[in-house]
Amino acid sequence: MIDVTEILVHWYAGRPKTVLAESLGVDRKTARKYVAPAEAGGFSPGGPPVSSSEWAGRVREWFPELVDTRLRQCRGRRSRPTATTSTSS
């Protein structure tokens, strides 16, 4: 699971998106996706201090699907495990 807050903290500290993507093990496009709302909101690397908890609040605001598990639950039919029988020779 990606820690979006960590992506934002690294970006805000001045790490280039490509470098932070590589070091955090995410695709560059994924890093850009999560940084885009911060840039659109007027944030830029090296700005006034922002705590991790403040970033976490922004993540909840910008990406509610990441914090509300109800949105990720499977709505399809649940499959039941089938009984298997083994025969001994």
C-alpha atoms as a PDB file:
ATOM      1  CA  MET A   1       0.000   0.000   0.000  1.00  0.00           C
ATOM      2  CA  ILE A   2       1.270   3.446  -0.882  1.00  0.00           C
ATOM      3  CA  ASP A   3       1.692   5.998   1.879  1.00  0.00           C
ATOM      4  CA  VAL A   4       0.524   9.118   0.070  1.00  0.00           C
ATOM      5  CA  THR A   5       1.466  11.306   3.036  1.00  0.00           C
ATOM      6  CA  GLU A   6       5.054  10.106   2.717  1.00  0.00           C
ATOM      7  CA  ILE A   7       5.079  10.993  -0.984  1.00  0.00           C
ATOM      8  CA  LEU A   8       3.906  14.526  -0.164  1.00  0.00           C
ATOM      9  CA  VAL A   9       6.373  14.983   2.692  1.00  0.00           C
ATOM     10  CA  HIS A  10       9.308  13.960   0.477  1.00  0.00           C
ATOM     11  CA  TRP A  11       8.115  16.154  -2.399  1.00  0.00           C
ATOM     12  CA  TYR A  12       7.575  19.167  -0.122  1.00  0.00           C
ATOM     13  CA  ALA A  13      11.075  18.696   1.293  1.00  0.00           C
ATOM     14  CA  GLY A  14      12.414  19.301  -2.212  1.00  0.00           C
ATOM     15  CA  ARG A  15      12.984  15.829  -3.628  1.00  0.00           C
ATOM     16  CA  PRO A  16      12.240  15.617  -7.355  1.00  0.00           C
ATOM     17  CA  LYS A  17       9.197  13.488  -8.176  1.00  0.00           C
ATOM     18  CA  THR A  18      11.253  11.010 -10.173  1.00  0.00           C
ATOM     19  CA  VAL A  19      13.721  10.536  -7.303  1.00  0.00           C
ATOM     20  CA  LEU A  20      11.055  10.135  -4.640  1.00  0.00           C
ATOM     21  CA  ALA A  21       9.113   7.716  -6.843  1.00  0.00           C
ATOM     22  CA  GLU A  22      12.179   5.540  -7.273  1.00  0.00           C
ATOM     23  CA  SER A  23      13.150   5.628  -3.599  1.00  0.00           C
ATOM     24  CA  LEU A  24       9.594   4.901  -2.389  1.00  0.00           C
ATOM     25  CA  GLY A  25       9.023   2.191  -4.990  1.00  0.00           C
ATOM     26  CA  VAL A  26       6.161   3.825  -6.864  1.00  0.00           C
ATOM     27  CA  ASP A  27       5.738   4.695 -10.520  1.00  0.00           C
ATOM     28  CA  ARG A  28       6.541   8.274 -11.577  1.00  0.00           C
ATOM     29  CA  LYS A  29       2.976   8.701 -12.798  1.00  0.00           C
ATOM     30  CA  THR A  30       1.681   7.645  -9.390  1.00  0.00           C
ATOM     31  CA  ALA A  31       3.892  10.213  -7.656  1.00  0.00           C
ATOM     32  CA  ARG A  32       2.672  12.919 -10.053  1.00  0.00           C
ATOM     33  CA  LYS A  33      -0.938  11.904  -9.437  1.00  0.00           C
ATOM     34  CA  TYR A  34      -0.636  12.387  -5.684  1.00  0.00           C
ATOM     35  CA  VAL A  35       1.438  15.582  -5.870  1.00  0.00           C
ATOM     36  CA  ALA A  36      -0.869  17.276  -8.412  1.00  0.00           C
ATOM     37  CA  PRO A  37      -3.531  18.434  -5.897  1.00  0.00           C
ATOM     38  CA  ALA A  38      -0.827  19.949  -3.679  1.00  0.00           C
ATOM     39  CA  GLU A  39       0.587  21.880  -6.626  1.00  0.00           C
ATOM     40  CA  ALA A  40      -2.912  22.957  -7.687  1.00  0.00           C
ATOM     41  CA  GLY A  41      -3.542  24.099  -4.112  1.00  0.00           C
ATOM     42  CA  GLY A  42      -0.567  26.451  -4.222  1.00  0.00           C
ATOM     43  CA  PHE A  43       1.952  24.301  -2.366  1.00  0.00           C
ATOM     44  CA  SER A  44       5.490  24.232  -3.656  1.00  0.00           C
ATOM     45  CA  PRO A  45       8.605  22.503  -2.355  1.00  0.00           C
ATOM     46  CA  GLY A  46      10.408  24.411   0.363  1.00  0.00           C
ATOM     47  CA  GLY A  47       7.365  26.340   1.560  1.00  0.00           C
ATOM     48  CA  PRO A  48       6.400  26.989   5.181  1.00  0.00           C
ATOM     49  CA  PRO A  49       6.549  23.878   7.391  1.00  0.00           C
ATOM     50  CA  VAL A  50       3.669  21.412   7.027  1.00  0.00           C
ATOM     51  CA  SER A  51       3.420  18.500   9.484  1.00  0.00           C
ATOM     52  CA  SER A  52       2.730  14.917   8.502  1.00  0.00           C
ATOM     53  CA  SER A  53      -0.641  15.127  10.251  1.00  0.00           C
ATOM     54  CA  GLU A  54      -1.541  18.192   8.164  1.00  0.00           C
ATOM     55  CA  TRP A  55      -0.588  16.295   4.994  1.00  0.00           C
ATOM     56  CA  ALA A  56      -2.675  13.339   6.196  1.00  0.00           C
ATOM     57  CA  GLY A  57      -5.661  15.674   6.514  1.00  0.00           C
ATOM     58  CA  ARG A  58      -5.098  16.952   2.988  1.00  0.00           C
ATOM     59  CA  VAL A  59      -4.865  13.375   1.694  1.00  0.00           C
ATOM     60  CA  ARG A  60      -8.246  12.600   3.294  1.00  0.00           C
ATOM     61  CA  GLU A  61      -9.676  15.691   1.602  1.00  0.00           C
ATOM     62  CA  TRP A  62      -8.109  15.133  -1.834  1.00  0.00           C
ATOM     63  CA  PHE A  63      -8.400  11.342  -1.970  1.00  0.00           C
ATOM     64  CA  PRO A  64     -11.398  10.230   0.134  1.00  0.00           C
ATOM     65  CA  GLU A  65     -11.376   6.836  -1.573  1.00  0.00           C
ATOM     66  CA  LEU A  66      -8.066   6.055   0.130  1.00  0.00           C
ATOM     67  CA  VAL A  67      -9.371   6.535   3.665  1.00  0.00           C
ATOM     68  CA  ASP A  68     -12.930   5.220   3.404  1.00  0.00           C
ATOM     69  CA  THR A  69     -12.745   1.441   3.214  1.00  0.00           C
ATOM     70  CA  ARG A  70     -16.427   1.205   2.319  1.00  0.00           C
ATOM     71  CA  LEU A  71     -15.573   2.536  -1.134  1.00  0.00           C
ATOM     72  CA  ARG A  72     -13.146  -0.325  -1.760  1.00  0.00           C
ATOM     73  CA  GLN A  73     -15.288  -3.243  -0.628  1.00  0.00           C
ATOM     74  CA  CYS A  74     -16.204  -5.811  -3.198  1.00  0.00           C
ATOM     75  CA  ARG A  75     -19.851  -5.584  -4.166  1.00  0.00           C
ATOM     76  CA  GLY A  76     -19.833  -8.778  -6.204  1.00  0.00           C
ATOM     77  CA  ARG A  77     -20.888 -12.247  -5.247  1.00  0.00           C
ATOM     78  CA  ARG A  78     -18.713 -13.939  -2.702  1.00  0.00           C
ATOM     79  CA  SER A  79     -17.387 -17.294  -3.715  1.00  0.00           C
ATOM     80  CA  ARG A  80     -17.570 -20.096  -1.228  1.00  0.00           C
ATOM     81  CA  PRO A  81     -14.689 -22.450  -0.746  1.00  0.00           C
ATOM     82  CA  THR A  82     -15.402 -25.807  -2.247  1.00  0.00           C
ATOM     83  CA  ALA A  83     -14.880 -28.968  -0.302  1.00  0.00           C
ATOM     84  CA  THR A  84     -12.129 -31.132  -1.638  1.00  0.00           C
ATOM     85  CA  THR A  85     -11.936 -34.811  -1.049  1.00  0.00           C
ATOM     86  CA  SER A  86      -8.796 -36.785  -1.124  1.00  0.00           C
ATOM     87  CA  THR A  87      -8.594 -40.455  -1.772  1.00  0.00           C
ATOM     88  CA  SER A  88      -5.935 -42.583  -0.224  1.00  0.00           C
ATOM     89  CA  SER A  89      -4.523 -45.510  -2.180  1.00  0.00           C
END
